[in-house]
Amino acid sequence: MVSKVTNVTSLTRSGLSDFVIQRVSAVLMAVYTLCVLGFFVANPDMTHARLVGYFGSTPMVLFSTLTVLATAAHAWIGMWTVGTDYIRPHYFGRHHTAFRLTYQAGCLGLLFVYVAWALQLFWSL
């Protein structure tokens, strides 16, 4: 009999799904970075008004929002993996679960703050 081990704190409960999410989010972040860098290269005489216009445009606000959410998913999968790989009984003793859950709660809290802050910045331009 084969049993399937899952963890309620994982994002998808599937290693393959987590792998795909990390790869797709990495590509999205790379494309976003290239778009922003391309904008700066194409506009060497940057003004504040032009910068606000670029980041305040609807397509860029939507692209920025999608990128922030992808970054949060990417970070959560990475930090969850680090927590489950390194916060183990071998290193932390019998209280390893409490340490891991505290670590994961801290990561989630920070991700929530970062996402909320980024969304507030992008949607209030």
N, C-alpha and C. Protein backbone atom coordinates (compact mmCIF):
# COMPACT_ATOMS: atom_id res chain seq x y z
N MET A 1 0.84 -1.18 0.00
CA MET A 1 0.00 0.00 0.00
C MET A 1 0.89 1.24 0.00
N VAL A 2 0.59 2.19 -0.88
CA VAL A 2 1.36 3.42 -0.99
C VAL A 2 0.55 4.53 -0.35
N SER A 3 1.16 5.26 0.55
CA SER A 3 0.47 6.40 1.16
C SER A 3 1.06 7.69 0.61
N LYS A 4 0.22 8.67 0.48
CA LYS A 4 0.63 9.95 -0.05
C LYS A 4 0.78 10.92 1.12
N VAL A 5 1.94 11.52 1.24
CA VAL A 5 2.20 12.47 2.31
C VAL A 5 1.97 13.87 1.77
N THR A 6 1.11 14.61 2.42
CA THR A 6 0.87 15.99 2.03
C THR A 6 1.03 16.88 3.25
N ASN A 7 1.20 18.13 3.02
CA ASN A 7 1.35 19.10 4.09
C ASN A 7 0.35 20.21 3.84
N VAL A 8 -0.42 20.54 4.84
CA VAL A 8 -1.47 21.54 4.69
C VAL A 8 -0.90 22.93 4.38
N THR A 9 0.37 23.16 4.73
CA THR A 9 0.94 24.48 4.49
C THR A 9 1.61 24.62 3.13
N SER A 10 1.64 23.57 2.32
CA SER A 10 2.21 23.71 0.98
C SER A 10 1.20 24.45 0.09
N LEU A 11 1.68 25.05 -0.98
CA LEU A 11 0.80 25.86 -1.84
C LEU A 11 -0.17 24.98 -2.62
N THR A 12 0.33 23.95 -3.26
CA THR A 12 -0.53 23.14 -4.13
C THR A 12 -0.62 21.69 -3.71
N ARG A 13 0.21 21.29 -2.76
CA ARG A 13 0.31 19.89 -2.32
C ARG A 13 0.78 18.98 -3.44
N SER A 14 1.44 19.55 -4.42
CA SER A 14 1.97 18.76 -5.53
C SER A 14 3.32 19.34 -5.92
N GLY A 15 4.34 18.50 -5.87
CA GLY A 15 5.67 18.98 -6.24
C GLY A 15 5.75 19.45 -7.67
N LEU A 16 5.05 18.77 -8.57
CA LEU A 16 5.06 19.17 -9.97
C LEU A 16 4.41 20.54 -10.16
N SER A 17 3.28 20.75 -9.52
CA SER A 17 2.60 22.06 -9.61
C SER A 17 3.47 23.17 -9.05
N ASP A 18 4.10 22.91 -7.90
CA ASP A 18 4.99 23.91 -7.32
C ASP A 18 6.16 24.21 -8.27
N PHE A 19 6.71 23.17 -8.90
CA PHE A 19 7.79 23.34 -9.86
C PHE A 19 7.34 24.24 -11.02
N VAL A 20 6.17 23.95 -11.57
CA VAL A 20 5.65 24.73 -12.71
C VAL A 20 5.38 26.17 -12.28
N ILE A 21 4.78 26.37 -11.11
CA ILE A 21 4.50 27.73 -10.63
C ILE A 21 5.80 28.50 -10.47
N GLN A 22 6.83 27.87 -9.93
CA GLN A 22 8.11 28.57 -9.76
C GLN A 22 8.72 28.93 -11.10
N ARG A 23 8.65 28.04 -12.07
CA ARG A 23 9.25 28.34 -13.38
C ARG A 23 8.47 29.41 -14.12
N VAL A 24 7.15 29.33 -14.11
CA VAL A 24 6.33 30.33 -14.80
C VAL A 24 6.49 31.69 -14.13
N SER A 25 6.48 31.72 -12.81
CA SER A 25 6.64 33.00 -12.11
C SER A 25 8.03 33.59 -12.36
N ALA A 26 9.06 32.75 -12.45
CA ALA A 26 10.41 33.24 -12.74
C ALA A 26 10.47 33.87 -14.14
N VAL A 27 9.83 33.24 -15.10
CA VAL A 27 9.80 33.79 -16.46
C VAL A 27 9.04 35.12 -16.46
N LEU A 28 7.91 35.17 -15.76
CA LEU A 28 7.13 36.40 -15.69
C LEU A 28 7.94 37.53 -15.05
N MET A 29 8.66 37.23 -13.97
CA MET A 29 9.49 38.25 -13.33
C MET A 29 10.61 38.71 -14.25
N ALA A 30 11.18 37.79 -15.03
CA ALA A 30 12.24 38.16 -15.97
C ALA A 30 11.69 39.06 -17.08
N VAL A 31 10.52 38.72 -17.61
CA VAL A 31 9.91 39.55 -18.66
C VAL A 31 9.58 40.94 -18.11
N TYR A 32 9.05 41.01 -16.90
CA TYR A 32 8.74 42.30 -16.27
C TYR A 32 10.02 43.13 -16.12
N THR A 33 11.08 42.50 -15.64
CA THR A 33 12.35 43.21 -15.47
C THR A 33 12.86 43.73 -16.81
N LEU A 34 12.78 42.92 -17.86
CA LEU A 34 13.22 43.37 -19.18
C LEU A 34 12.37 44.51 -19.70
N CYS A 35 11.06 44.48 -19.44
CA CYS A 35 10.18 45.58 -19.87
C CYS A 35 10.56 46.89 -19.18
N VAL A 36 10.78 46.82 -17.88
CA VAL A 36 11.13 48.03 -17.13
C VAL A 36 12.51 48.53 -17.56
N LEU A 37 13.48 47.62 -17.68
CA LEU A 37 14.82 48.04 -18.13
C LEU A 37 14.77 48.60 -19.55
N GLY A 38 13.98 47.97 -20.42
CA GLY A 38 13.82 48.47 -21.78
C GLY A 38 13.23 49.86 -21.81
N PHE A 39 12.29 50.13 -20.93
CA PHE A 39 11.69 51.47 -20.84
C PHE A 39 12.75 52.49 -20.45
N PHE A 40 13.58 52.16 -19.47
CA PHE A 40 14.63 53.10 -19.05
C PHE A 40 15.68 53.30 -20.14
N VAL A 41 16.03 52.24 -20.86
CA VAL A 41 17.02 52.36 -21.93
C VAL A 41 16.44 53.19 -23.08
N ALA A 42 15.16 53.02 -23.37
CA ALA A 42 14.54 53.75 -24.47
C ALA A 42 14.24 55.20 -24.12
N ASN A 43 14.29 55.53 -22.84
CA ASN A 43 14.00 56.90 -22.39
C ASN A 43 15.14 57.43 -21.52
N PRO A 44 16.26 57.79 -22.14
CA PRO A 44 17.39 58.26 -21.33
C PRO A 44 17.14 59.62 -20.67
N ASP A 45 16.22 60.40 -21.23
CA ASP A 45 15.88 61.70 -20.64
C ASP A 45 14.62 61.57 -19.79
N MET A 46 14.69 60.70 -18.79
CA MET A 46 13.53 60.38 -17.96
C MET A 46 13.09 61.57 -17.13
N THR A 47 11.78 61.76 -17.10
CA THR A 47 11.19 62.76 -16.21
C THR A 47 10.23 62.04 -15.26
N HIS A 48 9.92 62.71 -14.18
CA HIS A 48 9.01 62.12 -13.21
C HIS A 48 7.64 61.89 -13.84
N ALA A 49 7.17 62.84 -14.64
CA ALA A 49 5.86 62.71 -15.28
C ALA A 49 5.81 61.50 -16.21
N ARG A 50 6.88 61.27 -16.96
CA ARG A 50 6.92 60.13 -17.87
C ARG A 50 6.95 58.81 -17.09
N LEU A 51 7.70 58.78 -16.00
CA LEU A 51 7.78 57.59 -15.16
C LEU A 51 6.42 57.27 -14.53
N VAL A 52 5.75 58.28 -14.00
CA VAL A 52 4.41 58.08 -13.41
C VAL A 52 3.43 57.66 -14.49
N GLY A 53 3.53 58.23 -15.67
CA GLY A 53 2.66 57.84 -16.77
C GLY A 53 2.86 56.39 -17.17
N TYR A 54 4.10 55.94 -17.20
CA TYR A 54 4.41 54.56 -17.57
C TYR A 54 3.86 53.58 -16.54
N PHE A 55 4.23 53.79 -15.27
CA PHE A 55 3.78 52.87 -14.24
C PHE A 55 2.30 53.05 -13.88
N GLY A 56 1.71 54.19 -14.23
CA GLY A 56 0.30 54.43 -13.95
C GLY A 56 -0.63 53.98 -15.06
N SER A 57 -0.08 53.57 -16.20
CA SER A 57 -0.93 53.10 -17.30
C SER A 57 -1.59 51.78 -16.91
N THR A 58 -2.80 51.58 -17.39
CA THR A 58 -3.55 50.37 -17.02
C THR A 58 -2.81 49.08 -17.36
N PRO A 59 -2.22 48.94 -18.56
CA PRO A 59 -1.50 47.69 -18.83
C PRO A 59 -0.34 47.46 -17.86
N MET A 60 0.38 48.53 -17.52
CA MET A 60 1.53 48.37 -16.62
C MET A 60 1.07 48.09 -15.19
N VAL A 61 -0.02 48.69 -14.76
CA VAL A 61 -0.55 48.41 -13.42
C VAL A 61 -0.98 46.94 -13.34
N LEU A 62 -1.65 46.45 -14.36
CA LEU A 62 -2.07 45.05 -14.37
C LEU A 62 -0.86 44.11 -14.43
N PHE A 63 0.12 44.45 -15.26
CA PHE A 63 1.34 43.64 -15.37
C PHE A 63 2.10 43.65 -14.05
N SER A 64 2.18 44.81 -13.40
CA SER A 64 2.85 44.92 -12.11
C SER A 64 2.13 44.10 -11.05
N THR A 65 0.80 44.15 -11.05
CA THR A 65 0.01 43.38 -10.09
C THR A 65 0.25 41.89 -10.28
N LEU A 66 0.19 41.45 -11.52
CA LEU A 66 0.42 40.04 -11.82
C LEU A 66 1.83 39.62 -11.39
N THR A 67 2.80 40.48 -11.61
CA THR A 67 4.18 40.17 -11.25
C THR A 67 4.36 40.12 -9.73
N VAL A 68 3.71 41.02 -9.01
CA VAL A 68 3.79 40.99 -7.54
C VAL A 68 3.18 39.69 -7.01
N LEU A 69 2.03 39.29 -7.54
CA LEU A 69 1.40 38.05 -7.09
C LEU A 69 2.25 36.83 -7.45
N ALA A 70 2.85 36.85 -8.64
CA ALA A 70 3.73 35.75 -9.05
C ALA A 70 4.97 35.70 -8.16
N THR A 71 5.50 36.86 -7.80
CA THR A 71 6.66 36.91 -6.92
C THR A 71 6.32 36.34 -5.54
N ALA A 72 5.12 36.66 -5.05
CA ALA A 72 4.70 36.14 -3.74
C ALA A 72 4.56 34.61 -3.80
N ALA A 73 3.96 34.09 -4.85
CA ALA A 73 3.82 32.63 -4.98
C ALA A 73 5.19 31.98 -5.09
N HIS A 74 6.07 32.57 -5.89
CA HIS A 74 7.43 32.07 -6.06
C HIS A 74 8.17 32.05 -4.72
N ALA A 75 8.06 33.15 -3.98
CA ALA A 75 8.74 33.25 -2.69
C ALA A 75 8.16 32.26 -1.69
N TRP A 76 6.83 32.10 -1.67
CA TRP A 76 6.24 31.18 -0.71
C TRP A 76 6.70 29.74 -0.95
N ILE A 77 6.70 29.33 -2.21
CA ILE A 77 7.15 27.96 -2.52
C ILE A 77 8.61 27.79 -2.10
N GLY A 78 9.44 28.76 -2.40
CA GLY A 78 10.84 28.67 -2.02
C GLY A 78 11.05 28.64 -0.52
N MET A 79 10.36 29.51 0.20
CA MET A 79 10.53 29.56 1.65
C MET A 79 9.91 28.34 2.32
N TRP A 80 8.80 27.84 1.78
CA TRP A 80 8.20 26.62 2.32
C TRP A 80 9.18 25.46 2.15
N THR A 81 9.82 25.40 1.00
CA THR A 81 10.79 24.33 0.75
C THR A 81 11.97 24.43 1.71
N VAL A 82 12.47 25.62 1.91
CA VAL A 82 13.58 25.81 2.85
C VAL A 82 13.15 25.38 4.25
N GLY A 83 11.96 25.78 4.66
CA GLY A 83 11.47 25.42 5.99
C GLY A 83 11.31 23.93 6.19
N THR A 84 10.75 23.26 5.19
CA THR A 84 10.54 21.82 5.35
C THR A 84 11.83 21.03 5.17
N ASP A 85 12.79 21.58 4.45
CA ASP A 85 14.06 20.88 4.27
C ASP A 85 15.00 21.05 5.47
N TYR A 86 14.98 22.20 6.10
CA TYR A 86 15.99 22.49 7.12
C TYR A 86 15.45 22.59 8.54
N ILE A 87 14.17 22.77 8.74
CA ILE A 87 13.63 22.79 10.10
C ILE A 87 13.07 21.41 10.37
N ARG A 88 13.96 20.54 10.82
CA ARG A 88 13.67 19.11 10.99
C ARG A 88 14.05 18.68 12.40
N PRO A 89 13.55 17.53 12.83
CA PRO A 89 13.88 17.06 14.18
C PRO A 89 15.39 16.90 14.41
N HIS A 90 16.10 16.54 13.36
CA HIS A 90 17.54 16.35 13.47
C HIS A 90 18.24 17.62 13.96
N TYR A 91 17.76 18.79 13.51
CA TYR A 91 18.39 20.06 13.84
C TYR A 91 17.72 20.77 15.02
N PHE A 92 16.41 20.63 15.15
CA PHE A 92 15.66 21.42 16.12
C PHE A 92 15.03 20.59 17.24
N GLY A 93 15.22 19.30 17.23
CA GLY A 93 14.69 18.46 18.29
C GLY A 93 13.18 18.27 18.19
N ARG A 94 12.60 17.94 19.31
CA ARG A 94 11.18 17.59 19.31
C ARG A 94 10.25 18.78 19.08
N HIS A 95 10.78 19.99 19.15
CA HIS A 95 9.95 21.19 18.93
C HIS A 95 10.07 21.71 17.49
N HIS A 96 10.54 20.87 16.60
CA HIS A 96 10.75 21.32 15.22
C HIS A 96 9.47 21.79 14.56
N THR A 97 8.34 21.15 14.87
CA THR A 97 7.08 21.56 14.24
C THR A 97 6.70 22.97 14.65
N ALA A 98 6.87 23.30 15.92
CA ALA A 98 6.56 24.65 16.39
C ALA A 98 7.48 25.68 15.72
N PHE A 99 8.77 25.34 15.60
CA PHE A 99 9.70 26.25 14.91
C PHE A 99 9.31 26.44 13.45
N ARG A 100 8.97 25.32 12.79
CA ARG A 100 8.63 25.40 11.37
C ARG A 100 7.35 26.21 11.15
N LEU A 101 6.34 25.97 11.97
CA LEU A 101 5.08 26.71 11.82
C LEU A 101 5.27 28.19 12.14
N THR A 102 6.10 28.50 13.11
CA THR A 102 6.41 29.90 13.41
C THR A 102 7.13 30.55 12.24
N TYR A 103 8.10 29.84 11.69
CA TYR A 103 8.83 30.33 10.51
C TYR A 103 7.87 30.56 9.34
N GLN A 104 7.00 29.60 9.09
CA GLN A 104 6.06 29.73 7.97
C GLN A 104 5.06 30.85 8.21
N ALA A 105 4.60 31.01 9.44
CA ALA A 105 3.68 32.12 9.75
C ALA A 105 4.38 33.46 9.54
N GLY A 106 5.66 33.54 9.95
CA GLY A 106 6.42 34.77 9.73
C GLY A 106 6.60 35.07 8.25
N CYS A 107 6.89 34.03 7.47
CA CYS A 107 7.03 34.21 6.01
C CYS A 107 5.72 34.68 5.39
N LEU A 108 4.62 34.05 5.78
CA LEU A 108 3.31 34.46 5.26
C LEU A 108 2.98 35.89 5.65
N GLY A 109 3.28 36.25 6.89
CA GLY A 109 3.03 37.62 7.34
C GLY A 109 3.81 38.64 6.54
N LEU A 110 5.10 38.36 6.33
CA LEU A 110 5.92 39.27 5.52
C LEU A 110 5.43 39.34 4.08
N LEU A 111 5.08 38.20 3.51
CA LEU A 111 4.56 38.21 2.14
C LEU A 111 3.28 39.01 2.04
N PHE A 112 2.40 38.88 3.04
CA PHE A 112 1.16 39.65 3.04
C PHE A 112 1.47 41.15 3.07
N VAL A 113 2.39 41.55 3.92
CA VAL A 113 2.75 42.97 4.01
C VAL A 113 3.34 43.46 2.69
N TYR A 114 4.25 42.68 2.11
CA TYR A 114 4.86 43.09 0.84
C TYR A 114 3.83 43.19 -0.28
N VAL A 115 2.93 42.21 -0.37
CA VAL A 115 1.91 42.24 -1.43
C VAL A 115 0.95 43.42 -1.20
N ALA A 116 0.50 43.61 0.03
CA ALA A 116 -0.42 44.71 0.31
C ALA A 116 0.24 46.06 0.01
N TRP A 117 1.49 46.21 0.39
CA TRP A 117 2.21 47.45 0.15
C TRP A 117 2.38 47.69 -1.35
N ALA A 118 2.79 46.67 -2.07
CA ALA A 118 2.99 46.80 -3.52
C ALA A 118 1.67 47.13 -4.22
N LEU A 119 0.60 46.44 -3.85
CA LEU A 119 -0.69 46.72 -4.49
C LEU A 119 -1.17 48.12 -4.17
N GLN A 120 -0.94 48.58 -2.96
CA GLN A 120 -1.31 49.94 -2.60
C GLN A 120 -0.52 50.94 -3.42
N LEU A 121 0.75 50.68 -3.64
CA LEU A 121 1.58 51.58 -4.45
C LEU A 121 1.11 51.60 -5.90
N PHE A 122 0.88 50.44 -6.48
CA PHE A 122 0.51 50.39 -7.90
C PHE A 122 -0.89 50.92 -8.16
N TRP A 123 -1.82 50.67 -7.27
CA TRP A 123 -3.20 51.05 -7.53
C TRP A 123 -3.55 52.45 -7.03
N SER A 124 -2.61 53.14 -6.39
CA SER A 124 -2.90 54.50 -5.92
C SER A 124 -2.10 55.55 -6.65
N LEU A 125 -1.48 55.18 -7.78
CA LEU A 125 -0.69 56.17 -8.54
C LEU A 125 -1.54 57.27 -9.09
